[in-house]
Amino acid sequence: MNNITKPIRTNTIQVMFNKEDPRLSAVEIHTWLDEKIKVRESDIQTLQLVAKQYAVYIKFKSAVLYEQYLQKHSDESNFELMNGTTVSVSIGPAEQDYVAVRVMNVPPEISNEWMKNVLTNYGKIHSIENERWSSRHGFQVETGIRIVKMSMDKHIPVTLLIANYEA
């Protein structure tokens, strides 16, 4: 059996959208990249929309261009939809090591922004999603579990106090 390793994306920026925000159209993404991020068509090799991940991958033609755009636009940026709604996006290298942390026992009254403020002490937060029950269970509502995608800087304790709730 051959050991096949996953190719690593090079010179590629990943733009992550929040799954709770409205789905973005290709036109909105292209317009945002052109007007806000100022990506020039001549600088990129590939623009890949991965709807399942709520992500856009921008592969630049050179490492120099990749570094220039990454330095200018890393971290979070605002994205304005055609209807005027503003959503936030996370911009960073495509090959960052993300982990999905499941946070349980926090009531829905605690906002994802509050969760983000607490978990930022352990690394960079890329997205927070409210897990939902599948259709096979009946009600397709939130389970009360948050899925936090993050790049960890330090270990998160097994239990953590979030707004006086033990998570």
Protein backbone atom coordinates (compact mmCIF):
# COMPACT_ATOMS: atom_id res chain seq x y z
CA MET A 1 0.00 0.00 0.00
CA ASN A 2 1.32 3.44 -0.95
CA ASN A 3 1.54 6.14 1.65
CA ILE A 4 -0.03 9.13 -0.04
CA THR A 5 0.33 12.40 1.82
CA LYS A 6 -2.04 15.29 1.45
CA PRO A 7 -0.52 18.00 -0.74
CA ILE A 8 -0.02 21.27 1.11
CA ARG A 9 -1.58 24.38 -0.35
CA THR A 10 1.14 26.88 -1.19
CA ASN A 11 0.85 30.63 -1.71
CA THR A 12 -2.83 30.34 -0.80
CA ILE A 13 -4.97 32.50 1.47
CA GLN A 14 -8.10 31.08 3.07
CA VAL A 15 -11.10 33.35 3.66
CA MET A 16 -13.47 31.77 6.21
CA PHE A 17 -17.06 32.94 6.49
CA ASN A 18 -19.29 32.33 9.51
CA LYS A 19 -21.80 29.55 8.84
CA GLU A 20 -24.47 31.44 10.77
CA ASP A 21 -24.37 34.35 8.33
CA PRO A 22 -26.34 34.34 5.08
CA ARG A 23 -24.78 32.35 2.23
CA LEU A 24 -22.81 34.61 -0.08
CA SER A 25 -23.15 34.64 -3.83
CA ALA A 26 -20.19 34.29 -6.18
CA VAL A 27 -20.87 37.83 -7.44
CA GLU A 28 -20.69 39.22 -3.89
CA ILE A 29 -17.42 37.39 -3.23
CA HIS A 30 -15.83 38.58 -6.49
CA THR A 31 -16.98 42.16 -5.86
CA TRP A 32 -15.63 42.09 -2.29
CA LEU A 33 -12.27 40.71 -3.42
CA ASP A 34 -12.04 43.39 -6.11
CA GLU A 35 -13.27 46.42 -4.13
CA LYS A 36 -12.27 45.73 -0.50
CA ILE A 37 -9.30 43.36 -0.68
CA LYS A 38 -8.07 44.86 -3.97
CA VAL A 39 -7.09 41.49 -5.46
CA ARG A 40 -5.96 41.89 -9.06
CA GLU A 41 -6.86 39.13 -11.49
CA SER A 42 -3.29 39.21 -12.79
CA ASP A 43 -1.99 38.28 -9.29
CA ILE A 44 -3.97 35.08 -8.79
CA GLN A 45 -3.80 31.64 -10.29
CA THR A 46 -6.97 30.18 -8.75
CA LEU A 47 -10.06 31.43 -6.92
CA GLN A 48 -11.82 28.44 -5.36
CA LEU A 49 -15.16 28.65 -3.53
CA VAL A 50 -15.73 25.70 -1.19
CA ALA A 51 -19.34 26.09 -0.09
CA LYS A 52 -19.29 23.14 2.33
CA GLN A 53 -16.50 24.82 4.33
CA TYR A 54 -17.87 28.36 3.92
CA ALA A 55 -14.45 29.23 2.57
CA VAL A 56 -12.73 30.83 -0.40
CA TYR A 57 -9.18 29.87 -1.33
CA ILE A 58 -7.09 32.39 -3.26
CA LYS A 59 -3.91 30.94 -4.77
CA PHE A 60 -1.44 33.62 -5.79
CA LYS A 61 1.00 33.33 -8.68
CA SER A 62 4.03 33.88 -6.45
CA ALA A 63 5.14 33.69 -2.84
CA VAL A 64 5.86 37.43 -2.89
CA LEU A 65 2.28 38.31 -3.88
CA TYR A 66 0.91 35.83 -1.32
CA GLU A 67 2.96 37.44 1.48
CA GLN A 68 1.93 40.97 0.43
CA TYR A 69 -1.79 40.19 0.52
CA LEU A 70 -1.49 38.13 3.71
CA GLN A 71 0.33 40.91 5.59
CA LYS A 72 -2.17 43.50 4.42
CA HIS A 73 -5.35 41.49 5.12
CA SER A 74 -4.68 38.81 7.73
CA ASP A 75 -6.99 38.37 10.70
CA GLU A 76 -10.55 39.58 10.39
CA SER A 77 -12.20 41.85 7.90
CA ASN A 78 -15.73 43.01 7.27
CA PHE A 79 -17.73 41.86 4.28
CA GLU A 80 -20.75 43.87 3.17
CA LEU A 81 -23.49 41.96 1.38
CA MET A 82 -25.45 43.48 -1.50
CA ASN A 83 -28.43 43.96 0.86
CA GLY A 84 -26.28 46.12 3.19
CA THR A 85 -25.76 43.49 5.91
CA THR A 86 -22.20 43.34 7.23
CA VAL A 87 -20.62 40.00 8.15
CA SER A 88 -17.13 39.27 9.43
CA VAL A 89 -14.62 36.98 7.79
CA SER A 90 -11.35 35.46 8.96
CA ILE A 91 -8.42 35.73 6.55
CA GLY A 92 -5.25 33.71 6.96
CA PRO A 93 -2.92 31.13 5.44
CA ALA A 94 -4.77 28.16 3.95
CA GLU A 95 -2.60 25.58 5.68
CA GLN A 96 -3.04 26.70 9.26
CA ASP A 97 -3.59 23.96 11.77
CA TYR A 98 -7.18 24.39 12.87
CA VAL A 99 -8.83 22.28 15.52
CA ALA A 100 -12.53 21.94 16.15
CA VAL A 101 -13.29 22.37 19.84
CA ARG A 102 -16.73 21.25 21.04
CA VAL A 103 -17.93 23.45 23.90
CA MET A 104 -20.82 22.00 25.90
CA ASN A 105 -23.08 23.10 28.77
CA VAL A 106 -23.22 26.80 27.88
CA PRO A 107 -26.79 28.12 27.57
CA PRO A 108 -27.88 29.75 24.31
CA GLU A 109 -28.18 33.11 26.08
CA ILE A 110 -24.37 33.30 26.10
CA SER A 111 -23.43 34.86 22.76
CA ASN A 112 -20.77 33.49 20.44
CA GLU A 113 -19.00 36.83 20.85
CA TRP A 114 -18.76 36.17 24.61
CA MET A 115 -17.42 32.67 23.86
CA LYS A 116 -14.88 34.19 21.48
CA ASN A 117 -13.67 36.64 24.15
CA VAL A 118 -13.03 33.77 26.60
CA LEU A 119 -11.45 31.33 24.13
CA THR A 120 -9.16 33.96 22.58
CA ASN A 121 -6.96 33.37 25.65
CA TYR A 122 -6.13 29.93 24.17
CA GLY A 123 -5.60 30.83 20.51
CA LYS A 124 -7.03 32.50 17.43
CA ILE A 125 -10.73 31.89 16.81
CA HIS A 126 -11.63 31.35 13.16
CA SER A 127 -15.32 30.55 13.51
CA ILE A 128 -17.99 29.51 16.01
CA GLU A 129 -20.93 27.42 14.89
CA ASN A 130 -23.98 26.27 16.82
CA GLU A 131 -24.34 22.51 16.34
CA ARG A 132 -27.82 21.35 15.25
CA TRP A 133 -29.71 18.09 15.62
CA SER A 134 -29.98 16.12 12.39
CA SER A 135 -33.33 15.50 10.71
CA ARG A 136 -33.31 11.86 11.79
CA HIS A 137 -33.74 12.97 15.41
CA GLY A 138 -36.87 14.99 14.76
CA PHE A 139 -36.46 18.63 15.71
CA GLN A 140 -33.70 20.31 13.70
CA VAL A 141 -32.79 22.82 16.37
CA GLU A 142 -29.53 23.73 18.09
CA THR A 143 -28.07 21.11 20.44
CA GLY A 144 -26.50 23.63 22.82
CA ILE A 145 -23.01 22.60 21.67
CA ARG A 146 -20.75 25.16 20.01
CA ILE A 147 -18.13 24.08 17.48
CA VAL A 148 -15.19 26.47 17.70
CA LYS A 149 -12.59 26.30 14.92
CA MET A 150 -9.37 27.73 16.21
CA SER A 151 -5.59 27.72 16.01
CA MET A 152 -4.51 26.84 19.53
CA ASP A 153 -1.63 28.59 21.27
CA LYS A 154 -2.06 26.73 24.55
CA HIS A 155 -4.04 23.87 26.03
CA ILE A 156 -7.68 24.49 26.98
CA PRO A 157 -8.64 23.00 30.36
CA VAL A 158 -11.20 20.17 30.39
CA THR A 159 -13.61 22.48 32.20
CA LEU A 160 -13.76 26.22 31.77
CA LEU A 161 -15.89 28.91 33.38
CA ILE A 162 -17.82 30.93 30.76
CA ALA A 163 -20.14 33.61 32.18
CA ASN A 164 -20.32 31.65 35.45
CA TYR A 165 -21.34 28.43 33.65
CA GLU A 166 -19.02 25.44 33.79
CA ALA A 167 -18.35 24.44 30.17
